[in-house]
Amino acid sequence: MIKLGYKLVIDSLLKVKSTSKAKVSKGFFKTGKGQYGEGDVFIGVSVPLCRKVALKFKDLSLYEVKKLISYKYHEVRQTGFFILVYQFQKGDSVSRKRIYNFYITSLKYCNNWDLVDLSCYKIVGDFLLHKDKTMLYRLAKDSSLWKRRVAIVSTYAFIKKNMYDDTLRLAEVLLHDKEDLIHKAVGWMLREVGKKDTQVLKSFLDIHKIYLPRTTLRYAIERFSLKERAHYIQK
């Protein structure tokens, strides 16, 4: 009996699994009770190996990709999202729209920071680059930590094109978010803005430094001189 493509992907990953790596990942991605990755299951496959498997099976149908991104093993979901990114990057305008819509409706499976960060700006960000950005503001107000992270990290695609307005506006929307993973993501994006235009970042910090979470601020000013960091840390 011929196996479906998604089953071949799972088999490929299981062949290279590592119990020791799985144990490390379980701790690193906070899978304990009450932690952000509670209940996630790892089999111990490295990111490069997941990418390699994804590239081999990059032409799977969205039906089969859905089987992967909804699977119980984290690395299987990760491989599914890698496949989506490959397909989006090689697709035409019609297929890109289809993949974007598929991704947005499948965000409940994008349930850890690595899955968000490896995929959202390459799909959502790139797709919305010259389109209406309302979806990002909707996601930024969602109760899901991961959807809020998708909102801000997706703007990395805009930053790469020297477009900062939505990053700064979404940073303001998320200013009082209570989740540390959002504080880190916002700080990361602000730092990326600063790499492109230091004055834009400094102007934002001058207005908001009193209210920024300490983690966000530290991430944002990471590339500043000691003197500049001291100026912003002393709120």
C-alpha atoms as a PDB file:
ATOM      1  CA  MET A   1       0.000   0.000   0.000  1.00  0.00           C
ATOM      2  CA  ILE A   2       1.398   3.392  -1.016  1.00  0.00           C
ATOM      3  CA  LYS A   3       1.730   5.844   1.872  1.00  0.00           C
ATOM      4  CA  LEU A   4       0.463   9.395   1.632  1.00  0.00           C
ATOM      5  CA  GLY A   5       3.126  12.083   1.481  1.00  0.00           C
ATOM      6  CA  TYR A   6       2.506  13.424   4.965  1.00  0.00           C
ATOM      7  CA  LYS A   7       3.043   9.939   6.417  1.00  0.00           C
ATOM      8  CA  LEU A   8       6.361   9.720   4.600  1.00  0.00           C
ATOM      9  CA  VAL A   9       7.344  13.032   6.188  1.00  0.00           C
ATOM     10  CA  ILE A  10       6.526  11.704   9.640  1.00  0.00           C
ATOM     11  CA  ASP A  11       8.432   8.482   8.949  1.00  0.00           C
ATOM     12  CA  SER A  12      11.452  10.504   7.772  1.00  0.00           C
ATOM     13  CA  LEU A  13      11.484  12.518  10.983  1.00  0.00           C
ATOM     14  CA  LEU A  14      11.023   9.495  13.218  1.00  0.00           C
ATOM     15  CA  LYS A  15      14.075   7.866  11.607  1.00  0.00           C
ATOM     16  CA  VAL A  16      16.317  10.700  12.834  1.00  0.00           C
ATOM     17  CA  LYS A  17      14.720  11.346  16.225  1.00  0.00           C
ATOM     18  CA  SER A  18      16.873  11.683  19.337  1.00  0.00           C
ATOM     19  CA  THR A  19      15.672  10.997  22.870  1.00  0.00           C
ATOM     20  CA  SER A  20      18.379  13.223  24.351  1.00  0.00           C
ATOM     21  CA  LYS A  21      17.546  16.129  22.038  1.00  0.00           C
ATOM     22  CA  ALA A  22      13.846  15.692  22.814  1.00  0.00           C
ATOM     23  CA  LYS A  23      14.550  15.989  26.521  1.00  0.00           C
ATOM     24  CA  VAL A  24      16.487  19.225  26.019  1.00  0.00           C
ATOM     25  CA  SER A  25      13.755  20.679  23.774  1.00  0.00           C
ATOM     26  CA  LYS A  26      11.060  19.778  26.283  1.00  0.00           C
ATOM     27  CA  GLY A  27      12.774  22.006  28.835  1.00  0.00           C
ATOM     28  CA  PHE A  28      13.854  24.742  26.438  1.00  0.00           C
ATOM     29  CA  PHE A  29      10.361  25.238  25.037  1.00  0.00           C
ATOM     30  CA  LYS A  30       8.703  25.266  28.470  1.00  0.00           C
ATOM     31  CA  THR A  31       6.390  22.286  28.158  1.00  0.00           C
ATOM     32  CA  GLY A  32       5.712  21.916  31.888  1.00  0.00           C
ATOM     33  CA  LYS A  33       2.363  22.457  33.572  1.00  0.00           C
ATOM     34  CA  GLY A  34       1.346  26.104  33.458  1.00  0.00           C
ATOM     35  CA  GLN A  35       4.158  27.047  31.060  1.00  0.00           C
ATOM     36  CA  TYR A  36       3.589  28.523  27.612  1.00  0.00           C
ATOM     37  CA  GLY A  37       4.380  25.253  25.815  1.00  0.00           C
ATOM     38  CA  GLU A  38       2.459  23.036  28.197  1.00  0.00           C
ATOM     39  CA  GLY A  39       1.841  19.563  26.797  1.00  0.00           C
ATOM     40  CA  ASP A  40       3.891  19.966  23.611  1.00  0.00           C
ATOM     41  CA  VAL A  41       5.602  16.732  22.549  1.00  0.00           C
ATOM     42  CA  PHE A  42       9.112  16.604  21.057  1.00  0.00           C
ATOM     43  CA  ILE A  43      10.897  13.729  19.348  1.00  0.00           C
ATOM     44  CA  GLY A  44      14.299  15.419  19.113  1.00  0.00           C
ATOM     45  CA  VAL A  45      14.921  16.419  15.492  1.00  0.00           C
ATOM     46  CA  SER A  46      17.110  19.437  14.732  1.00  0.00           C
ATOM     47  CA  VAL A  47      15.893  22.419  12.719  1.00  0.00           C
ATOM     48  CA  PRO A  48      18.331  21.748   9.829  1.00  0.00           C
ATOM     49  CA  LEU A  49      17.015  18.187   9.538  1.00  0.00           C
ATOM     50  CA  CYS A  50      13.411  19.420   9.585  1.00  0.00           C
ATOM     51  CA  ARG A  51      14.281  21.862   6.800  1.00  0.00           C
ATOM     52  CA  LYS A  52      15.909  19.072   4.801  1.00  0.00           C
ATOM     53  CA  VAL A  53      12.827  16.870   5.085  1.00  0.00           C
ATOM     54  CA  ALA A  54      10.554  19.822   4.249  1.00  0.00           C
ATOM     55  CA  LEU A  55      12.529  20.571   1.104  1.00  0.00           C
ATOM     56  CA  LYS A  56      12.231  16.952  -0.008  1.00  0.00           C
ATOM     57  CA  PHE A  57       8.444  17.051   0.396  1.00  0.00           C
ATOM     58  CA  LYS A  58       7.895  20.690  -0.562  1.00  0.00           C
ATOM     59  CA  ASP A  59       5.219  19.854  -3.141  1.00  0.00           C
ATOM     60  CA  LEU A  60       2.702  18.290  -0.758  1.00  0.00           C
ATOM     61  CA  SER A  61      -0.924  19.354  -1.114  1.00  0.00           C
ATOM     62  CA  LEU A  62      -2.359  21.737   1.470  1.00  0.00           C
ATOM     63  CA  TYR A  63      -4.560  18.859   2.607  1.00  0.00           C
ATOM     64  CA  GLU A  64      -1.417  16.915   3.540  1.00  0.00           C
ATOM     65  CA  VAL A  65       0.325  19.964   4.993  1.00  0.00           C
ATOM     66  CA  LYS A  66      -2.688  20.414   7.281  1.00  0.00           C
ATOM     67  CA  LYS A  67      -2.083  16.871   8.543  1.00  0.00           C
ATOM     68  CA  LEU A  68       1.476  17.865   9.413  1.00  0.00           C
ATOM     69  CA  ILE A  69       0.869  21.212  11.100  1.00  0.00           C
ATOM     70  CA  SER A  70      -1.895  19.722  13.242  1.00  0.00           C
ATOM     71  CA  TYR A  71       0.210  16.712  14.307  1.00  0.00           C
ATOM     72  CA  LYS A  72       1.077  16.046  17.960  1.00  0.00           C
ATOM     73  CA  TYR A  73       4.860  16.148  17.488  1.00  0.00           C
ATOM     74  CA  HIS A  74       6.383  19.622  17.479  1.00  0.00           C
ATOM     75  CA  GLU A  75       8.974  18.810  14.825  1.00  0.00           C
ATOM     76  CA  VAL A  76       6.309  17.465  12.493  1.00  0.00           C
ATOM     77  CA  ARG A  77       4.381  20.730  12.815  1.00  0.00           C
ATOM     78  CA  GLN A  78       7.600  22.662  12.262  1.00  0.00           C
ATOM     79  CA  THR A  79       8.318  20.719   9.070  1.00  0.00           C
ATOM     80  CA  GLY A  80       4.801  21.439   7.857  1.00  0.00           C
ATOM     81  CA  PHE A  81       5.317  25.158   8.355  1.00  0.00           C
ATOM     82  CA  PHE A  82       8.654  24.992   6.540  1.00  0.00           C
ATOM     83  CA  ILE A  83       6.836  23.404   3.594  1.00  0.00           C
ATOM     84  CA  LEU A  84       4.287  26.239   3.612  1.00  0.00           C
ATOM     85  CA  VAL A  85       7.080  28.812   3.511  1.00  0.00           C
ATOM     86  CA  TYR A  86       8.775  27.036   0.584  1.00  0.00           C
ATOM     87  CA  GLN A  87       5.502  26.882  -1.321  1.00  0.00           C
ATOM     88  CA  PHE A  88       4.682  30.519  -0.640  1.00  0.00           C
ATOM     89  CA  GLN A  89       8.102  31.739  -1.762  1.00  0.00           C
ATOM     90  CA  LYS A  90       7.892  29.813  -5.036  1.00  0.00           C
ATOM     91  CA  GLY A  91       4.218  30.516  -5.686  1.00  0.00           C
ATOM     92  CA  ASP A  92       2.424  32.940  -7.987  1.00  0.00           C
ATOM     93  CA  SER A  93      -0.058  35.557  -6.745  1.00  0.00           C
ATOM     94  CA  VAL A  94      -2.956  33.093  -6.718  1.00  0.00           C
ATOM     95  CA  SER A  95      -1.148  30.366  -4.773  1.00  0.00           C
ATOM     96  CA  ARG A  96       0.331  32.910  -2.364  1.00  0.00           C
ATOM     97  CA  LYS A  97      -3.105  34.197  -1.512  1.00  0.00           C
ATOM     98  CA  ARG A  98      -4.338  30.659  -0.976  1.00  0.00           C
ATOM     99  CA  ILE A  99      -1.395  29.834   1.304  1.00  0.00           C
ATOM    100  CA  TYR A 100      -1.810  33.087   3.246  1.00  0.00           C
ATOM    101  CA  ASN A 101      -5.495  32.330   3.880  1.00  0.00           C
ATOM    102  CA  PHE A 102      -4.650  28.747   4.802  1.00  0.00           C
ATOM    103  CA  TYR A 103      -1.993  29.974   7.244  1.00  0.00           C
ATOM    104  CA  ILE A 104      -4.280  32.518   8.918  1.00  0.00           C
ATOM    105  CA  THR A 105      -7.003  29.920   9.449  1.00  0.00           C
ATOM    106  CA  SER A 106      -4.435  27.446  10.831  1.00  0.00           C
ATOM    107  CA  LEU A 107      -2.793  29.677  13.436  1.00  0.00           C
ATOM    108  CA  LYS A 108      -4.010  27.554  16.343  1.00  0.00           C
ATOM    109  CA  TYR A 109      -1.376  25.015  15.297  1.00  0.00           C
ATOM    110  CA  CYS A 110       1.372  27.656  15.270  1.00  0.00           C
ATOM    111  CA  ASN A 111       1.663  27.308  19.021  1.00  0.00           C
ATOM    112  CA  ASN A 112       5.201  28.058  20.053  1.00  0.00           C
ATOM    113  CA  TRP A 113       7.549  30.936  19.413  1.00  0.00           C
ATOM    114  CA  ASP A 114       9.834  29.062  17.011  1.00  0.00           C
ATOM    115  CA  LEU A 115       6.908  28.029  14.811  1.00  0.00           C
ATOM    116  CA  VAL A 116       5.720  31.644  14.722  1.00  0.00           C
ATOM    117  CA  ASP A 117       9.124  33.147  14.064  1.00  0.00           C
ATOM    118  CA  LEU A 118      10.173  30.791  11.275  1.00  0.00           C
ATOM    119  CA  SER A 119       7.014  31.306   9.251  1.00  0.00           C
ATOM    120  CA  CYS A 120       4.876  34.370   9.920  1.00  0.00           C
ATOM    121  CA  TYR A 121       6.967  37.176   8.420  1.00  0.00           C
ATOM    122  CA  LYS A 122       7.764  35.006   5.402  1.00  0.00           C
ATOM    123  CA  ILE A 123       4.076  34.382   4.700  1.00  0.00           C
ATOM    124  CA  VAL A 124       1.864  36.949   6.435  1.00  0.00           C
ATOM    125  CA  GLY A 125       4.403  39.750   6.309  1.00  0.00           C
ATOM    126  CA  ASP A 126       5.392  39.221   2.685  1.00  0.00           C
ATOM    127  CA  PHE A 127       1.777  38.822   1.580  1.00  0.00           C
ATOM    128  CA  LEU A 128       0.618  42.016   3.318  1.00  0.00           C
ATOM    129  CA  LEU A 129       3.642  44.070   2.307  1.00  0.00           C
ATOM    130  CA  HIS A 130       1.676  46.312  -0.059  1.00  0.00           C
ATOM    131  CA  LYS A 131      -1.821  45.435   1.157  1.00  0.00           C
ATOM    132  CA  ASP A 132      -4.187  46.459   3.922  1.00  0.00           C
ATOM    133  CA  LYS A 133      -2.718  45.578   7.325  1.00  0.00           C
ATOM    134  CA  THR A 134      -5.993  45.329   9.296  1.00  0.00           C
ATOM    135  CA  MET A 135      -5.434  41.617   9.953  1.00  0.00           C
ATOM    136  CA  LEU A 136      -2.287  42.364  11.949  1.00  0.00           C
ATOM    137  CA  TYR A 137      -4.115  44.759  14.267  1.00  0.00           C
ATOM    138  CA  ARG A 138      -6.854  42.190  14.726  1.00  0.00           C
ATOM    139  CA  LEU A 139      -4.287  39.553  15.661  1.00  0.00           C
ATOM    140  CA  ALA A 140      -2.527  41.977  18.011  1.00  0.00           C
ATOM    141  CA  LYS A 141      -5.704  42.212  20.094  1.00  0.00           C
ATOM    142  CA  ASP A 142      -6.404  38.486  20.135  1.00  0.00           C
ATOM    143  CA  SER A 143      -6.438  36.545  23.405  1.00  0.00           C
ATOM    144  CA  SER A 144      -3.905  34.084  21.944  1.00  0.00           C
ATOM    145  CA  LEU A 145      -0.297  34.832  22.857  1.00  0.00           C
ATOM    146  CA  TRP A 146       0.846  33.261  19.605  1.00  0.00           C
ATOM    147  CA  LYS A 147      -1.475  35.293  17.385  1.00  0.00           C
ATOM    148  CA  ARG A 148      -0.256  38.474  19.057  1.00  0.00           C
ATOM    149  CA  ARG A 149       3.317  37.389  18.406  1.00  0.00           C
ATOM    150  CA  VAL A 150       2.434  36.687  14.757  1.00  0.00           C
ATOM    151  CA  ALA A 151       1.145  40.259  14.516  1.00  0.00           C
ATOM    152  CA  ILE A 152       4.376  41.950  15.561  1.00  0.00           C
ATOM    153  CA  VAL A 153       6.915  39.496  14.107  1.00  0.00           C
ATOM    154  CA  SER A 154       5.192  39.584  10.706  1.00  0.00           C
ATOM    155  CA  THR A 155       6.296  43.210  10.416  1.00  0.00           C
ATOM    156  CA  TYR A 156       9.886  42.008  10.058  1.00  0.00           C
ATOM    157  CA  ALA A 157       9.081  41.724   6.336  1.00  0.00           C
ATOM    158  CA  PHE A 158       8.164  45.423   6.293  1.00  0.00           C
ATOM    159  CA  ILE A 159      11.269  46.455   8.215  1.00  0.00           C
ATOM    160  CA  LYS A 160      13.436  44.707   5.631  1.00  0.00           C
ATOM    161  CA  LYS A 161      11.863  47.058   3.057  1.00  0.00           C
ATOM    162  CA  ASN A 162      12.443  50.149   5.223  1.00  0.00           C
ATOM    163  CA  MET A 163       8.765  50.369   6.198  1.00  0.00           C
ATOM    164  CA  TYR A 164       8.463  50.989   9.949  1.00  0.00           C
ATOM    165  CA  ASP A 165       5.065  52.544  10.626  1.00  0.00           C
ATOM    166  CA  ASP A 166       3.170  49.338  11.329  1.00  0.00           C
ATOM    167  CA  THR A 167       5.908  47.955  13.554  1.00  0.00           C
ATOM    168  CA  LEU A 168       5.780  51.084  15.685  1.00  0.00           C
ATOM    169  CA  ARG A 169       1.982  51.188  15.788  1.00  0.00           C
ATOM    170  CA  LEU A 170       1.719  47.539  16.743  1.00  0.00           C
ATOM    171  CA  ALA A 171       4.400  48.054  19.376  1.00  0.00           C
ATOM    172  CA  GLU A 172       2.114  50.710  20.856  1.00  0.00           C
ATOM    173  CA  VAL A 173      -0.868  48.324  20.746  1.00  0.00           C
ATOM    174  CA  LEU A 174       1.191  45.720  22.603  1.00  0.00           C
ATOM    175  CA  LEU A 175       2.802  48.196  24.985  1.00  0.00           C
ATOM    176  CA  HIS A 176       1.005  46.860  28.066  1.00  0.00           C
ATOM    177  CA  ASP A 177       0.902  43.184  27.100  1.00  0.00           C
ATOM    178  CA  LYS A 178       1.571  40.963  30.115  1.00  0.00           C
ATOM    179  CA  GLU A 179       3.413  38.153  28.319  1.00  0.00           C
ATOM    180  CA  ASP A 180       7.211  38.086  28.371  1.00  0.00           C
ATOM    181  CA  LEU A 181       7.309  36.459  24.931  1.00  0.00           C
ATOM    182  CA  ILE A 182       5.497  39.485  23.536  1.00  0.00           C
ATOM    183  CA  HIS A 183       7.880  41.850  25.328  1.00  0.00           C
ATOM    184  CA  LYS A 184      10.787  40.023  23.684  1.00  0.00           C
ATOM    185  CA  ALA A 185       9.182  40.002  20.234  1.00  0.00           C
ATOM    186  CA  VAL A 186       8.384  43.725  20.363  1.00  0.00           C
ATOM    187  CA  GLY A 187      11.910  44.517  21.546  1.00  0.00           C
ATOM    188  CA  TRP A 188      13.356  42.367  18.783  1.00  0.00           C
ATOM    189  CA  MET A 189      11.352  44.172  16.092  1.00  0.00           C
ATOM    190  CA  LEU A 190      12.248  47.578  17.526  1.00  0.00           C
ATOM    191  CA  ARG A 191      15.913  46.573  17.468  1.00  0.00           C
ATOM    192  CA  GLU A 192      15.536  45.602  13.800  1.00  0.00           C
ATOM    193  CA  VAL A 193      14.039  49.029  13.091  1.00  0.00           C
ATOM    194  CA  GLY A 194      17.063  50.555  14.818  1.00  0.00           C
ATOM    195  CA  LYS A 195      19.430  48.595  12.592  1.00  0.00           C
ATOM    196  CA  LYS A 196      17.825  50.301   9.615  1.00  0.00           C
ATOM    197  CA  ASP A 197      17.276  53.755  11.107  1.00  0.00           C
ATOM    198  CA  THR A 198      18.583  54.521  14.581  1.00  0.00           C
ATOM    199  CA  GLN A 199      16.818  57.868  14.745  1.00  0.00           C
ATOM    200  CA  VAL A 200      13.405  56.311  14.130  1.00  0.00           C
ATOM    201  CA  LEU A 201      13.989  53.929  17.038  1.00  0.00           C
ATOM    202  CA  LYS A 202      15.300  56.673  19.328  1.00  0.00           C
ATOM    203  CA  SER A 203      12.304  58.885  18.568  1.00  0.00           C
ATOM    204  CA  PHE A 204       9.973  56.024  19.490  1.00  0.00           C
ATOM    205  CA  LEU A 205      11.900  55.287  22.687  1.00  0.00           C
ATOM    206  CA  ASP A 206      11.951  58.946  23.708  1.00  0.00           C
ATOM    207  CA  ILE A 207       8.155  58.930  23.688  1.00  0.00           C
ATOM    208  CA  HIS A 208       7.508  55.479  25.161  1.00  0.00           C
ATOM    209  CA  LYS A 209      10.528  54.546  27.306  1.00  0.00           C
ATOM    210  CA  ILE A 210       8.676  55.201  30.568  1.00  0.00           C
ATOM    211  CA  TYR A 211       5.999  52.653  29.691  1.00  0.00           C
ATOM    212  CA  LEU A 212       8.007  50.014  27.852  1.00  0.00           C
ATOM    213  CA  PRO A 213       8.470  46.714  29.714  1.00  0.00           C
ATOM    214  CA  ARG A 214      12.083  46.372  30.843  1.00  0.00           C
ATOM    215  CA  THR A 215      12.618  43.296  28.635  1.00  0.00           C
ATOM    216  CA  THR A 216      11.338  45.131  25.552  1.00  0.00           C
ATOM    217  CA  LEU A 217      13.586  48.085  26.269  1.00  0.00           C
ATOM    218  CA  ARG A 218      16.665  45.945  26.807  1.00  0.00           C
ATOM    219  CA  TYR A 219      16.108  44.089  23.547  1.00  0.00           C
ATOM    220  CA  ALA A 220      15.476  47.334  21.655  1.00  0.00           C
ATOM    221  CA  ILE A 221      18.667  49.077  22.830  1.00  0.00           C
ATOM    222  CA  GLU A 222      20.966  46.067  22.640  1.00  0.00           C
ATOM    223  CA  ARG A 223      23.085  47.606  19.881  1.00  0.00           C
ATOM    224  CA  PHE A 224      23.376  51.024  21.519  1.00  0.00           C
ATOM    225  CA  SER A 225      26.562  52.291  23.178  1.00  0.00           C
ATOM    226  CA  LEU A 226      26.903  51.922  26.953  1.00  0.00           C
ATOM    227  CA  LYS A 227      26.151  55.613  27.364  1.00  0.00           C
ATOM    228  CA  GLU A 228      23.036  55.426  25.206  1.00  0.00           C
ATOM    229  CA  ARG A 229      21.792  52.300  26.989  1.00  0.00           C
ATOM    230  CA  ALA A 230      22.261  53.958  30.351  1.00  0.00           C
ATOM    231  CA  HIS A 231      20.221  56.948  29.161  1.00  0.00           C
ATOM    232  CA  TYR A 232      17.242  54.783  28.246  1.00  0.00           C
ATOM    233  CA  ILE A 233      17.470  52.362  31.146  1.00  0.00           C
ATOM    234  CA  GLN A 234      17.328  55.220  33.647  1.00  0.00           C
ATOM    235  CA  LYS A 235      13.604  55.818  33.232  1.00  0.00           C
END
